[in-house]
């Protein structure tokens, strides 16, 4: 039975799952969430009333949250690239880095973007300043962590890198990664060169005008 992925190509958390799918060449059916496909939106709302994407459907089973979807794929649709190590200690490192990118890169990045979409009177300057400070702190920690590493949790591409790729991609658009963070910049370049993530980035190119802060002319 064909896997169905309810997602939008421009969403960072959707790109996280797409990177995992493309890493292993896992076949799936796109169910694109957009106003041009109202029936798909209705299906999605019926399956998951919280309406947070991506959502994976495998027969009668629905799987929510990007990290859990990738873990589910590894259990039920394993491929040549093992994204969560079998060794439990190594798996903890991978999961820890996955949470770092979701919580301390993606979350403050999205805070800044979503705030820009509010009416002027409803904006939260203090919250945005705190989000930018969090990103600077996270970049600094990651700079130290990535020194001597090829990928987020060591020498093997993993779930953590699936999280890192869209997180750093959009974070640099939102709050530029400064030249002092040379290891972070180099890591982001490696992620952009990874064929699985490069494919997700290319599929999202038509949607760049939608980026609220204005997409830069790069990447």
N, C-alpha and C. Protein backbone atom coordinates (compact mmCIF):
# COMPACT_ATOMS: atom_id res chain seq x y z
N UNK A 1 0.85 -1.20 0.00
CA UNK A 1 0.00 0.00 0.00
C UNK A 1 0.88 1.25 0.00
N UNK A 2 0.52 2.22 -0.84
CA UNK A 2 1.34 3.42 -1.00
C UNK A 2 1.22 4.34 0.21
N UNK A 3 2.37 4.81 0.67
CA UNK A 3 2.38 5.82 1.72
C UNK A 3 1.86 7.13 1.15
N UNK A 4 1.12 7.88 1.96
CA UNK A 4 0.65 9.20 1.56
C UNK A 4 1.25 10.23 2.51
N UNK A 5 1.80 11.29 1.94
CA UNK A 5 2.37 12.37 2.76
C UNK A 5 1.58 13.64 2.50
N UNK A 6 0.90 14.12 3.54
CA UNK A 6 0.20 15.40 3.48
C UNK A 6 1.21 16.46 3.91
N UNK A 7 1.56 17.33 2.98
CA UNK A 7 2.67 18.24 3.23
C UNK A 7 2.63 19.41 2.25
N UNK A 8 3.46 20.42 2.55
CA UNK A 8 3.69 21.53 1.60
C UNK A 8 5.19 21.63 1.36
N UNK A 9 5.60 21.79 0.11
CA UNK A 9 7.04 21.78 -0.20
C UNK A 9 7.86 22.86 0.48
N UNK A 10 7.22 23.98 0.86
CA UNK A 10 7.96 25.12 1.42
C UNK A 10 8.08 25.05 2.94
N UNK A 11 7.41 24.10 3.55
CA UNK A 11 7.43 23.95 5.00
C UNK A 11 8.73 23.29 5.46
N UNK A 12 9.35 23.85 6.50
CA UNK A 12 10.61 23.30 6.99
C UNK A 12 10.42 21.89 7.55
N UNK A 13 9.36 21.66 8.30
CA UNK A 13 9.16 20.33 8.88
C UNK A 13 8.77 19.31 7.82
N UNK A 14 8.12 19.75 6.77
CA UNK A 14 7.86 18.85 5.64
C UNK A 14 9.16 18.51 4.91
N UNK A 15 10.01 19.50 4.73
CA UNK A 15 11.30 19.24 4.10
C UNK A 15 12.15 18.27 4.92
N UNK A 16 12.01 18.33 6.23
CA UNK A 16 12.73 17.39 7.10
C UNK A 16 12.34 15.96 6.75
N UNK A 17 11.04 15.70 6.61
CA UNK A 17 10.58 14.35 6.28
C UNK A 17 10.92 14.01 4.83
N UNK A 18 10.77 14.97 3.93
CA UNK A 18 11.12 14.71 2.53
C UNK A 18 12.57 14.30 2.38
N UNK A 19 13.45 14.94 3.14
CA UNK A 19 14.87 14.58 3.07
C UNK A 19 15.06 13.12 3.47
N UNK A 20 14.37 12.68 4.50
CA UNK A 20 14.46 11.28 4.92
C UNK A 20 13.92 10.34 3.84
N UNK A 21 12.79 10.70 3.26
CA UNK A 21 12.21 9.88 2.19
C UNK A 21 13.14 9.78 0.98
N UNK A 22 13.72 10.92 0.60
CA UNK A 22 14.59 10.93 -0.58
C UNK A 22 15.93 10.24 -0.30
N UNK A 23 16.40 10.29 0.94
CA UNK A 23 17.64 9.59 1.29
C UNK A 23 17.55 8.11 0.95
N UNK A 24 16.39 7.53 1.20
CA UNK A 24 16.23 6.09 1.02
C UNK A 24 15.40 5.71 -0.20
N UNK A 25 15.03 6.71 -0.99
CA UNK A 25 14.25 6.41 -2.19
C UNK A 25 12.93 5.75 -1.86
N UNK A 26 12.33 6.15 -0.75
CA UNK A 26 11.07 5.54 -0.31
C UNK A 26 9.91 6.08 -1.15
N UNK A 27 9.17 5.23 -1.83
CA UNK A 27 8.05 5.73 -2.65
C UNK A 27 6.90 6.22 -1.77
N UNK A 28 6.27 7.29 -2.22
CA UNK A 28 5.11 7.83 -1.49
C UNK A 28 4.28 8.65 -2.44
N UNK A 29 3.06 8.91 -2.04
CA UNK A 29 2.15 9.75 -2.82
C UNK A 29 2.07 11.13 -2.18
N UNK A 30 2.35 12.15 -2.98
CA UNK A 30 2.22 13.54 -2.50
C UNK A 30 0.75 13.88 -2.33
N UNK A 31 0.40 14.45 -1.19
CA UNK A 31 -0.92 15.04 -0.99
C UNK A 31 -0.64 16.49 -0.60
N UNK A 32 -0.57 17.35 -1.61
CA UNK A 32 -0.12 18.72 -1.41
C UNK A 32 -1.18 19.57 -0.73
N UNK A 33 -0.78 20.18 0.37
CA UNK A 33 -1.69 21.02 1.14
C UNK A 33 -1.62 22.46 0.64
N UNK A 34 -2.62 22.86 -0.11
CA UNK A 34 -2.66 24.22 -0.64
C UNK A 34 -4.10 24.55 -1.03
N UNK A 35 -4.42 25.84 -1.12
CA UNK A 35 -5.79 26.23 -1.48
C UNK A 35 -6.23 25.69 -2.84
N UNK A 36 -5.26 25.38 -3.70
CA UNK A 36 -5.60 24.85 -5.01
C UNK A 36 -6.13 23.42 -4.94
N UNK A 37 -5.99 22.80 -3.78
CA UNK A 37 -6.44 21.42 -3.61
C UNK A 37 -7.36 21.32 -2.39
N UNK A 38 -8.57 21.89 -2.48
CA UNK A 38 -9.46 21.92 -1.31
C UNK A 38 -9.84 20.53 -0.79
N UNK A 39 -9.95 19.55 -1.70
CA UNK A 39 -10.31 18.21 -1.26
C UNK A 39 -9.21 17.62 -0.36
N UNK A 40 -7.97 17.90 -0.73
CA UNK A 40 -6.84 17.40 0.08
C UNK A 40 -6.87 18.06 1.46
N UNK A 41 -7.16 19.35 1.50
CA UNK A 41 -7.26 20.05 2.78
C UNK A 41 -8.36 19.46 3.65
N UNK A 42 -9.48 19.09 3.04
CA UNK A 42 -10.57 18.48 3.79
C UNK A 42 -10.15 17.11 4.33
N UNK A 43 -9.49 16.31 3.50
CA UNK A 43 -9.00 15.01 3.94
C UNK A 43 -8.06 15.17 5.13
N UNK A 44 -7.16 16.12 5.01
CA UNK A 44 -6.16 16.36 6.05
C UNK A 44 -6.82 16.75 7.37
N UNK A 45 -7.78 17.66 7.31
CA UNK A 45 -8.47 18.11 8.52
C UNK A 45 -9.23 16.97 9.19
N UNK A 46 -9.80 16.09 8.37
CA UNK A 46 -10.53 14.95 8.93
C UNK A 46 -9.58 13.96 9.59
N UNK A 47 -8.39 13.81 9.02
CA UNK A 47 -7.41 12.87 9.57
C UNK A 47 -6.73 13.42 10.82
N UNK A 48 -6.50 14.74 10.85
CA UNK A 48 -5.72 15.34 11.93
C UNK A 48 -6.29 16.73 12.22
N UNK A 49 -7.27 16.80 13.12
CA UNK A 49 -7.96 18.07 13.39
C UNK A 49 -7.04 19.20 13.84
N UNK A 50 -5.86 18.88 14.40
CA UNK A 50 -4.93 19.95 14.80
C UNK A 50 -4.31 20.64 13.59
N UNK A 51 -4.38 20.00 12.44
CA UNK A 51 -3.93 20.59 11.17
C UNK A 51 -2.48 21.06 11.21
N UNK A 52 -1.63 20.26 11.79
CA UNK A 52 -0.20 20.54 11.77
C UNK A 52 0.47 19.53 10.85
N UNK A 53 1.24 20.01 9.93
CA UNK A 53 1.83 19.09 8.96
C UNK A 53 3.35 19.08 9.10
N UNK A 54 3.96 17.97 8.60
CA UNK A 54 3.43 16.92 7.73
C UNK A 54 2.65 15.85 8.49
N UNK A 55 1.91 15.08 7.72
CA UNK A 55 1.17 13.93 8.22
C UNK A 55 1.41 12.77 7.27
N UNK A 56 1.77 11.63 7.81
CA UNK A 56 1.99 10.43 7.01
C UNK A 56 0.83 9.47 7.23
N UNK A 57 0.31 8.93 6.14
CA UNK A 57 -0.75 7.93 6.22
C UNK A 57 -0.24 6.64 5.61
N UNK A 58 -0.32 5.58 6.41
CA UNK A 58 0.10 4.25 5.97
C UNK A 58 -1.06 3.30 6.18
N UNK A 59 -1.84 3.11 5.13
CA UNK A 59 -3.05 2.31 5.25
C UNK A 59 -4.05 2.99 6.16
N UNK A 60 -4.39 2.35 7.25
CA UNK A 60 -5.35 2.93 8.20
C UNK A 60 -4.65 3.67 9.33
N UNK A 61 -3.33 3.73 9.28
CA UNK A 61 -2.57 4.36 10.36
C UNK A 61 -2.11 5.75 9.96
N UNK A 62 -2.26 6.72 10.85
CA UNK A 62 -1.74 8.06 10.63
C UNK A 62 -0.59 8.30 11.60
N UNK A 63 0.43 8.97 11.11
CA UNK A 63 1.61 9.25 11.91
C UNK A 63 1.87 10.75 11.85
N UNK A 64 1.95 11.39 13.02
CA UNK A 64 2.15 12.84 13.10
C UNK A 64 3.53 13.16 13.64
N UNK A 65 3.95 14.40 13.44
CA UNK A 65 5.22 14.95 13.91
C UNK A 65 6.40 14.40 13.10
N UNK A 66 7.20 15.33 12.60
CA UNK A 66 8.26 14.97 11.65
C UNK A 66 9.25 13.95 12.20
N UNK A 67 9.68 14.13 13.44
CA UNK A 67 10.64 13.18 14.02
C UNK A 67 10.04 11.78 14.10
N UNK A 68 8.79 11.70 14.56
CA UNK A 68 8.14 10.40 14.70
C UNK A 68 7.92 9.76 13.34
N UNK A 69 7.60 10.57 12.34
CA UNK A 69 7.43 10.03 10.98
C UNK A 69 8.73 9.39 10.50
N UNK A 70 9.85 10.07 10.71
CA UNK A 70 11.14 9.53 10.26
C UNK A 70 11.48 8.25 11.04
N UNK A 71 11.21 8.25 12.33
CA UNK A 71 11.44 7.03 13.11
C UNK A 71 10.53 5.90 12.60
N UNK A 72 9.30 6.21 12.28
CA UNK A 72 8.35 5.22 11.76
C UNK A 72 8.85 4.64 10.44
N UNK A 73 9.32 5.50 9.57
CA UNK A 73 9.86 5.03 8.29
C UNK A 73 11.03 4.07 8.51
N UNK A 74 11.89 4.40 9.46
CA UNK A 74 13.02 3.53 9.74
C UNK A 74 12.60 2.16 10.24
N UNK A 75 11.51 2.09 10.98
CA UNK A 75 11.01 0.82 11.52
C UNK A 75 10.29 -0.01 10.47
N UNK A 76 9.46 0.65 9.67
CA UNK A 76 8.56 -0.08 8.77
C UNK A 76 8.97 -0.04 7.30
N UNK A 77 9.78 0.93 6.92
CA UNK A 77 10.22 1.06 5.53
C UNK A 77 11.71 1.37 5.49
N UNK A 78 12.53 0.52 6.09
CA UNK A 78 13.97 0.80 6.14
C UNK A 78 14.59 0.79 4.75
N UNK A 79 15.63 1.61 4.60
CA UNK A 79 16.34 1.68 3.34
C UNK A 79 17.83 1.58 3.59
N UNK A 80 18.64 1.88 2.60
CA UNK A 80 20.09 1.74 2.74
C UNK A 80 20.71 2.71 3.74
N UNK A 81 20.07 3.85 3.98
CA UNK A 81 20.60 4.83 4.93
C UNK A 81 19.84 4.71 6.25
N UNK A 82 20.52 4.26 7.27
CA UNK A 82 19.88 4.14 8.58
C UNK A 82 19.97 5.48 9.29
N UNK A 83 18.85 6.14 9.48
CA UNK A 83 18.85 7.51 9.98
C UNK A 83 18.86 7.59 11.51
N UNK A 84 18.51 6.49 12.17
CA UNK A 84 18.64 6.39 13.63
C UNK A 84 19.50 5.16 13.91
N UNK A 85 20.66 5.32 14.52
CA UNK A 85 21.57 4.18 14.72
C UNK A 85 20.93 3.08 15.56
N UNK A 86 21.35 1.86 15.28
CA UNK A 86 20.87 0.72 16.08
C UNK A 86 21.43 0.78 17.49
N UNK A 87 22.69 1.24 17.61
CA UNK A 87 23.29 1.39 18.93
C UNK A 87 22.54 2.44 19.73
N UNK A 88 22.09 2.08 20.92
CA UNK A 88 21.20 2.96 21.68
C UNK A 88 21.91 4.22 22.15
N UNK A 89 23.19 4.13 22.46
CA UNK A 89 23.92 5.33 22.90
C UNK A 89 24.08 6.30 21.74
N UNK A 90 24.45 5.76 20.59
CA UNK A 90 24.58 6.62 19.40
C UNK A 90 23.23 7.21 19.01
N UNK A 91 22.17 6.42 19.18
CA UNK A 91 20.83 6.92 18.85
C UNK A 91 20.43 8.09 19.75
N UNK A 92 20.86 8.05 21.02
CA UNK A 92 20.58 9.17 21.91
C UNK A 92 21.23 10.45 21.42
N UNK A 93 22.46 10.35 20.94
CA UNK A 93 23.15 11.53 20.41
C UNK A 93 22.39 12.10 19.21
N UNK A 94 21.94 11.21 18.33
CA UNK A 94 21.19 11.64 17.14
C UNK A 94 19.90 12.32 17.56
N UNK A 95 19.18 11.70 18.48
CA UNK A 95 17.90 12.29 18.91
C UNK A 95 18.11 13.61 19.65
N UNK A 96 19.18 13.70 20.41
CA UNK A 96 19.48 14.94 21.10
C UNK A 96 19.73 16.08 20.13
N UNK A 97 20.49 15.81 19.07
CA UNK A 97 20.74 16.84 18.07
C UNK A 97 19.48 17.18 17.28
N UNK A 98 18.65 16.18 17.04
CA UNK A 98 17.37 16.43 16.38
C UNK A 98 16.55 17.43 17.18
N UNK A 99 16.48 17.22 18.50
CA UNK A 99 15.72 18.13 19.33
C UNK A 99 16.36 19.52 19.36
N UNK A 100 17.68 19.58 19.36
CA UNK A 100 18.36 20.87 19.33
C UNK A 100 17.91 21.69 18.12
N UNK A 101 17.93 21.08 16.95
CA UNK A 101 17.58 21.84 15.74
C UNK A 101 16.11 22.24 15.73
N UNK A 102 15.22 21.36 16.21
CA UNK A 102 13.81 21.71 16.24
C UNK A 102 13.51 22.80 17.27
N UNK A 103 14.09 22.67 18.45
CA UNK A 103 13.73 23.56 19.56
C UNK A 103 14.49 24.89 19.57
N UNK A 104 15.76 24.85 19.20
CA UNK A 104 16.61 26.03 19.39
C UNK A 104 17.04 26.72 18.10
N UNK A 105 16.70 26.10 16.97
CA UNK A 105 16.89 26.77 15.68
C UNK A 105 15.54 27.03 15.02
N UNK A 106 14.76 25.98 14.78
CA UNK A 106 13.47 26.15 14.10
C UNK A 106 12.48 26.98 14.90
N UNK A 107 12.36 26.72 16.19
CA UNK A 107 11.34 27.43 16.98
C UNK A 107 11.59 28.94 17.03
N UNK A 108 12.78 29.42 17.38
CA UNK A 108 12.98 30.88 17.35
C UNK A 108 12.91 31.46 15.94
N UNK A 109 13.38 30.71 14.96
CA UNK A 109 13.29 31.19 13.58
C UNK A 109 11.84 31.42 13.19
N UNK A 110 10.98 30.48 13.53
CA UNK A 110 9.57 30.61 13.17
C UNK A 110 8.89 31.72 13.98
N UNK A 111 9.34 31.91 15.21
CA UNK A 111 8.80 33.01 16.01
C UNK A 111 8.99 34.34 15.28
N UNK A 112 10.17 34.55 14.73
CA UNK A 112 10.47 35.80 14.03
C UNK A 112 9.60 35.94 12.78
N UNK A 113 9.49 34.85 12.02
CA UNK A 113 8.71 34.89 10.78
C UNK A 113 7.23 35.12 11.08
N UNK A 114 6.68 34.35 12.00
CA UNK A 114 5.26 34.46 12.30
C UNK A 114 4.92 35.84 12.87
N UNK A 115 5.83 36.41 13.66
CA UNK A 115 5.58 37.74 14.21
C UNK A 115 5.48 38.78 13.10
N UNK A 116 6.29 38.61 12.07
CA UNK A 116 6.27 39.57 10.96
C UNK A 116 4.95 39.55 10.20
N UNK A 117 4.18 38.47 10.35
CA UNK A 117 2.92 38.32 9.63
C UNK A 117 1.74 38.91 10.40
N UNK A 118 1.98 39.32 11.64
CA UNK A 118 0.92 39.89 12.45
C UNK A 118 0.69 41.37 12.10
N UNK A 119 -0.50 41.88 12.40
CA UNK A 119 -0.69 43.33 12.29
C UNK A 119 0.28 44.04 13.24
N UNK A 120 0.68 45.22 12.88
CA UNK A 120 1.69 45.96 13.64
C UNK A 120 1.34 46.05 15.12
N UNK A 121 0.09 46.28 15.43
CA UNK A 121 -0.32 46.46 16.83
C UNK A 121 -0.23 45.17 17.64
N UNK A 122 -0.17 44.02 16.97
CA UNK A 122 -0.16 42.73 17.67
C UNK A 122 1.23 42.10 17.72
N UNK A 123 2.24 42.82 17.26
CA UNK A 123 3.58 42.23 17.22
C UNK A 123 4.22 42.22 18.61
N UNK A 124 5.25 41.40 18.72
CA UNK A 124 5.90 41.14 20.01
C UNK A 124 7.40 41.43 19.88
N UNK A 125 7.80 42.70 19.93
CA UNK A 125 9.22 43.03 19.75
C UNK A 125 10.14 42.34 20.75
N UNK A 126 9.70 42.25 21.99
CA UNK A 126 10.53 41.60 23.00
C UNK A 126 10.72 40.11 22.67
N UNK A 127 9.62 39.46 22.27
CA UNK A 127 9.71 38.05 21.91
C UNK A 127 10.63 37.82 20.71
N UNK A 128 10.59 38.72 19.74
CA UNK A 128 11.46 38.61 18.56
C UNK A 128 12.91 38.81 18.96
N UNK A 129 13.17 39.79 19.83
CA UNK A 129 14.53 40.02 20.30
C UNK A 129 15.06 38.79 21.04
N UNK A 130 14.22 38.17 21.85
CA UNK A 130 14.62 36.96 22.56
C UNK A 130 14.88 35.81 21.59
N UNK A 131 14.08 35.73 20.53
CA UNK A 131 14.28 34.68 19.53
C UNK A 131 15.60 34.87 18.80
N UNK A 132 15.93 36.12 18.47
CA UNK A 132 17.20 36.38 17.80
C UNK A 132 18.38 36.07 18.73
N UNK A 133 18.23 36.40 20.00
CA UNK A 133 19.28 36.08 20.97
C UNK A 133 19.46 34.57 21.10
N UNK A 134 18.36 33.85 21.08
CA UNK A 134 18.42 32.40 21.15
C UNK A 134 19.15 31.83 19.94
N UNK A 135 18.87 32.37 18.76
CA UNK A 135 19.56 31.90 17.56
C UNK A 135 21.06 32.16 17.64
N UNK A 136 21.45 33.33 18.11
CA UNK A 136 22.88 33.62 18.25
C UNK A 136 23.54 32.65 19.23
N UNK A 137 22.86 32.37 20.32
CA UNK A 137 23.40 31.42 21.30
C UNK A 137 23.50 30.02 20.70
N UNK A 138 22.46 29.63 19.97
CA UNK A 138 22.45 28.31 19.34
C UNK A 138 23.55 28.20 18.28
N UNK A 139 23.74 29.26 17.48
CA UNK A 139 24.82 29.24 16.49
C UNK A 139 26.18 29.06 17.18
N UNK A 140 26.35 29.75 18.30
CA UNK A 140 27.62 29.65 19.02
C UNK A 140 27.87 28.24 19.54
N UNK A 141 26.84 27.63 20.11
CA UNK A 141 27.00 26.26 20.60
C UNK A 141 27.28 25.30 19.45
N UNK A 142 26.56 25.49 18.35
CA UNK A 142 26.73 24.60 17.21
C UNK A 142 28.10 24.78 16.57
N UNK A 143 28.62 26.01 16.58
CA UNK A 143 29.95 26.26 16.03
C UNK A 143 30.99 25.39 16.74
N UNK A 144 30.91 25.35 18.05
CA UNK A 144 31.83 24.53 18.82
C UNK A 144 31.59 23.04 18.56
N UNK A 145 30.34 22.66 18.50
CA UNK A 145 29.98 21.24 18.34
C UNK A 145 30.39 20.69 16.98
N UNK A 146 30.27 21.50 15.93
CA UNK A 146 30.53 21.00 14.58
C UNK A 146 32.02 21.02 14.21
N UNK A 147 32.85 21.58 15.04
CA UNK A 147 34.29 21.57 14.76
C UNK A 147 34.78 20.12 14.73
N UNK A 148 35.26 19.68 13.60
CA UNK A 148 35.75 18.31 13.47
C UNK A 148 34.69 17.29 13.12
N UNK A 149 33.43 17.71 12.95
CA UNK A 149 32.36 16.78 12.56
C UNK A 149 31.94 17.03 11.13
N UNK A 150 31.60 15.96 10.44
CA UNK A 150 31.03 16.10 9.10
C UNK A 150 29.53 16.33 9.19
N UNK A 151 28.87 15.56 10.07
CA UNK A 151 27.42 15.64 10.20
C UNK A 151 27.06 15.90 11.66
N UNK A 152 25.80 16.12 11.91
CA UNK A 152 25.36 16.64 13.22
C UNK A 152 25.76 15.75 14.39
N UNK A 153 25.70 14.44 14.21
CA UNK A 153 26.00 13.54 15.32
C UNK A 153 27.26 12.72 15.05
N UNK A 154 28.10 13.16 14.13
CA UNK A 154 29.34 12.43 13.85
C UNK A 154 29.62 12.32 12.37
N UNK A 155 29.98 11.13 11.95
CA UNK A 155 30.41 10.93 10.56
C UNK A 155 29.32 10.38 9.65
N UNK A 156 28.17 10.02 10.21
CA UNK A 156 27.09 9.44 9.42
C UNK A 156 25.90 10.40 9.35
N UNK A 157 25.36 10.55 8.14
CA UNK A 157 24.13 11.34 7.95
C UNK A 157 23.00 10.66 8.70
N UNK A 158 22.17 11.45 9.41
CA UNK A 158 21.16 10.86 10.28
C UNK A 158 19.90 11.72 10.36
N UNK A 159 18.98 11.25 11.18
CA UNK A 159 17.78 12.01 11.52
C UNK A 159 18.13 13.44 11.91
N UNK A 160 19.21 13.61 12.66
CA UNK A 160 19.61 14.95 13.12
C UNK A 160 19.90 15.88 11.95
N UNK A 161 20.47 15.34 10.89
CA UNK A 161 20.78 16.17 9.72
C UNK A 161 19.52 16.48 8.92
N UNK A 162 18.56 15.54 8.93
CA UNK A 162 17.26 15.84 8.30
C UNK A 162 16.61 17.03 8.99
N UNK A 163 16.79 17.12 10.32
CA UNK A 163 16.25 18.26 11.06
C UNK A 163 17.07 19.52 10.81
N UNK A 164 18.38 19.37 10.77
CA UNK A 164 19.27 20.52 10.63
C UNK A 164 19.12 21.22 9.29
N UNK A 165 18.91 20.46 8.24
CA UNK A 165 18.94 21.03 6.89
C UNK A 165 17.93 22.17 6.71
N UNK A 166 16.63 21.93 6.88
CA UNK A 166 15.69 23.05 6.72
C UNK A 166 15.79 24.07 7.84
N UNK A 167 16.17 23.62 9.05
CA UNK A 167 16.28 24.57 10.16
C UNK A 167 17.32 25.63 9.87
N UNK A 168 18.52 25.21 9.48
CA UNK A 168 19.59 26.16 9.18
C UNK A 168 19.34 26.91 7.87
N UNK A 169 18.70 26.24 6.94
CA UNK A 169 18.38 26.88 5.65
C UNK A 169 17.54 28.14 5.89
N UNK A 170 16.45 28.00 6.62
CA UNK A 170 15.56 29.14 6.85
C UNK A 170 16.09 30.08 7.93
N UNK A 171 16.81 29.54 8.90
CA UNK A 171 17.36 30.41 9.95
C UNK A 171 18.31 31.44 9.36
N UNK A 172 19.10 31.02 8.40
CA UNK A 172 20.05 31.95 7.78
C UNK A 172 19.33 33.03 6.98
N UNK A 173 18.18 32.71 6.44
CA UNK A 173 17.37 33.72 5.77
C UNK A 173 16.79 34.71 6.78
N UNK A 174 16.46 34.23 7.96
CA UNK A 174 15.73 35.01 8.96
C UNK A 174 16.67 35.80 9.86
N UNK A 175 17.76 35.15 10.30
CA UNK A 175 18.74 35.78 11.20
C UNK A 175 20.11 35.26 10.75
N UNK A 176 20.75 36.03 9.92
CA UNK A 176 21.94 35.57 9.19
C UNK A 176 22.99 34.94 10.10
N UNK A 177 23.50 33.81 9.66
CA UNK A 177 24.60 33.14 10.38
C UNK A 177 25.87 33.93 10.07
N UNK A 178 26.43 34.60 11.07
CA UNK A 178 27.56 35.50 10.85
C UNK A 178 28.85 34.78 10.51
N UNK A 179 29.81 35.50 9.93
CA UNK A 179 31.08 34.89 9.50
C UNK A 179 31.89 34.27 10.63
N UNK A 180 31.62 34.67 11.87
CA UNK A 180 32.34 34.06 13.00
C UNK A 180 31.98 32.59 13.17
N UNK A 181 30.85 32.20 12.62
CA UNK A 181 30.39 30.81 12.77
C UNK A 181 30.76 30.00 11.53
N UNK A 182 32.04 29.90 11.27
CA UNK A 182 32.50 29.28 10.02
C UNK A 182 32.15 27.80 9.92
N UNK A 183 32.17 27.09 11.04
CA UNK A 183 31.82 25.66 11.00
C UNK A 183 30.33 25.47 10.73
N UNK A 184 29.51 26.35 11.24
CA UNK A 184 28.07 26.28 10.98
C UNK A 184 27.79 26.57 9.52
N UNK A 185 28.46 27.59 8.98
CA UNK A 185 28.28 27.94 7.57
C UNK A 185 28.71 26.78 6.67
N UNK A 186 29.83 26.17 7.00
CA UNK A 186 30.32 25.05 6.19
C UNK A 186 29.37 23.86 6.27
N UNK A 187 28.83 23.63 7.46
CA UNK A 187 27.88 22.53 7.63
C UNK A 187 26.61 22.80 6.82
N UNK A 188 26.11 24.02 6.85
CA UNK A 188 24.92 24.36 6.06
C UNK A 188 25.18 24.13 4.58
N UNK A 189 26.37 24.45 4.11
CA UNK A 189 26.71 24.21 2.71
C UNK A 189 26.71 22.71 2.38
N UNK A 190 27.23 21.91 3.30
CA UNK A 190 27.22 20.45 3.07
C UNK A 190 25.79 19.94 2.99
N UNK A 191 24.92 20.46 3.84
CA UNK A 191 23.52 20.05 3.81
C UNK A 191 22.87 20.43 2.48
N UNK A 192 23.15 21.63 2.01
CA UNK A 192 22.57 22.07 0.73
C UNK A 192 23.07 21.24 -0.45
N UNK A 193 24.28 20.68 -0.30
CA UNK A 193 24.85 19.86 -1.37
C UNK A 193 24.37 18.41 -1.31
N UNK A 194 23.76 18.00 -0.20
CA UNK A 194 23.27 16.64 -0.07
C UNK A 194 22.10 16.44 -1.04
N UNK A 195 22.17 15.45 -1.94
CA UNK A 195 21.13 15.33 -2.98
C UNK A 195 19.71 15.26 -2.45
N UNK A 196 19.50 14.60 -1.32
CA UNK A 196 18.15 14.47 -0.78
C UNK A 196 17.58 15.83 -0.38
N UNK A 197 18.37 16.64 0.31
CA UNK A 197 17.88 17.95 0.71
C UNK A 197 17.86 18.91 -0.47
N UNK A 198 18.84 18.82 -1.36
CA UNK A 198 18.86 19.67 -2.55
C UNK A 198 17.57 19.48 -3.36
N UNK A 199 17.10 18.25 -3.43
CA UNK A 199 15.84 17.99 -4.15
C UNK A 199 14.68 18.69 -3.46
N UNK A 200 14.61 18.61 -2.12
CA UNK A 200 13.54 19.28 -1.39
C UNK A 200 13.59 20.79 -1.59
N UNK A 201 14.80 21.36 -1.59
CA UNK A 201 14.96 22.80 -1.82
C UNK A 201 14.49 23.18 -3.21
N UNK A 202 14.87 22.39 -4.20
CA UNK A 202 14.48 22.70 -5.58
C UNK A 202 12.97 22.62 -5.77
N UNK A 203 12.33 21.65 -5.12
CA UNK A 203 10.88 21.52 -5.25
C UNK A 203 10.15 22.72 -4.64
N UNK A 204 10.80 23.38 -3.69
CA UNK A 204 10.16 24.51 -3.01
C UNK A 204 10.45 25.86 -3.67
N UNK A 205 11.33 25.89 -4.66
CA UNK A 205 11.71 27.17 -5.27
C UNK A 205 10.53 28.00 -5.76
N UNK A 206 9.50 27.41 -6.37
CA UNK A 206 8.39 28.25 -6.86
C UNK A 206 7.66 29.01 -5.76
N UNK A 207 7.84 28.59 -4.51
CA UNK A 207 7.11 29.20 -3.40
C UNK A 207 7.91 30.27 -2.68
N UNK A 208 9.10 30.57 -3.12
CA UNK A 208 9.95 31.53 -2.41
C UNK A 208 9.33 32.92 -2.26
N UNK A 209 8.53 33.38 -3.21
CA UNK A 209 7.89 34.69 -3.01
C UNK A 209 6.97 34.73 -1.80
N UNK A 210 6.59 33.58 -1.26
CA UNK A 210 5.71 33.54 -0.10
C UNK A 210 6.45 33.81 1.21
N UNK A 211 7.77 33.78 1.20
CA UNK A 211 8.51 33.96 2.45
C UNK A 211 8.26 35.37 2.98
N UNK A 212 7.68 35.50 4.18
CA UNK A 212 7.23 36.82 4.66
C UNK A 212 8.32 37.88 4.77
N UNK A 213 9.55 37.45 5.07
CA UNK A 213 10.63 38.43 5.24
C UNK A 213 11.36 38.72 3.92
N UNK A 214 10.95 38.07 2.86
CA UNK A 214 11.62 38.23 1.57
C UNK A 214 12.76 37.23 1.43
N UNK A 215 12.65 36.34 0.48
CA UNK A 215 13.69 35.33 0.27
C UNK A 215 14.92 35.98 -0.37
N UNK A 216 16.10 35.71 0.16
CA UNK A 216 17.32 36.29 -0.43
C UNK A 216 17.62 35.67 -1.78
N UNK A 217 18.40 36.35 -2.58
CA UNK A 217 18.78 35.86 -3.90
C UNK A 217 20.01 34.97 -3.80
N UNK A 218 19.86 33.86 -3.10
CA UNK A 218 20.96 32.91 -2.95
C UNK A 218 20.37 31.55 -2.60
N UNK A 219 21.23 30.58 -2.36
CA UNK A 219 20.80 29.22 -2.04
C UNK A 219 19.98 28.63 -3.20
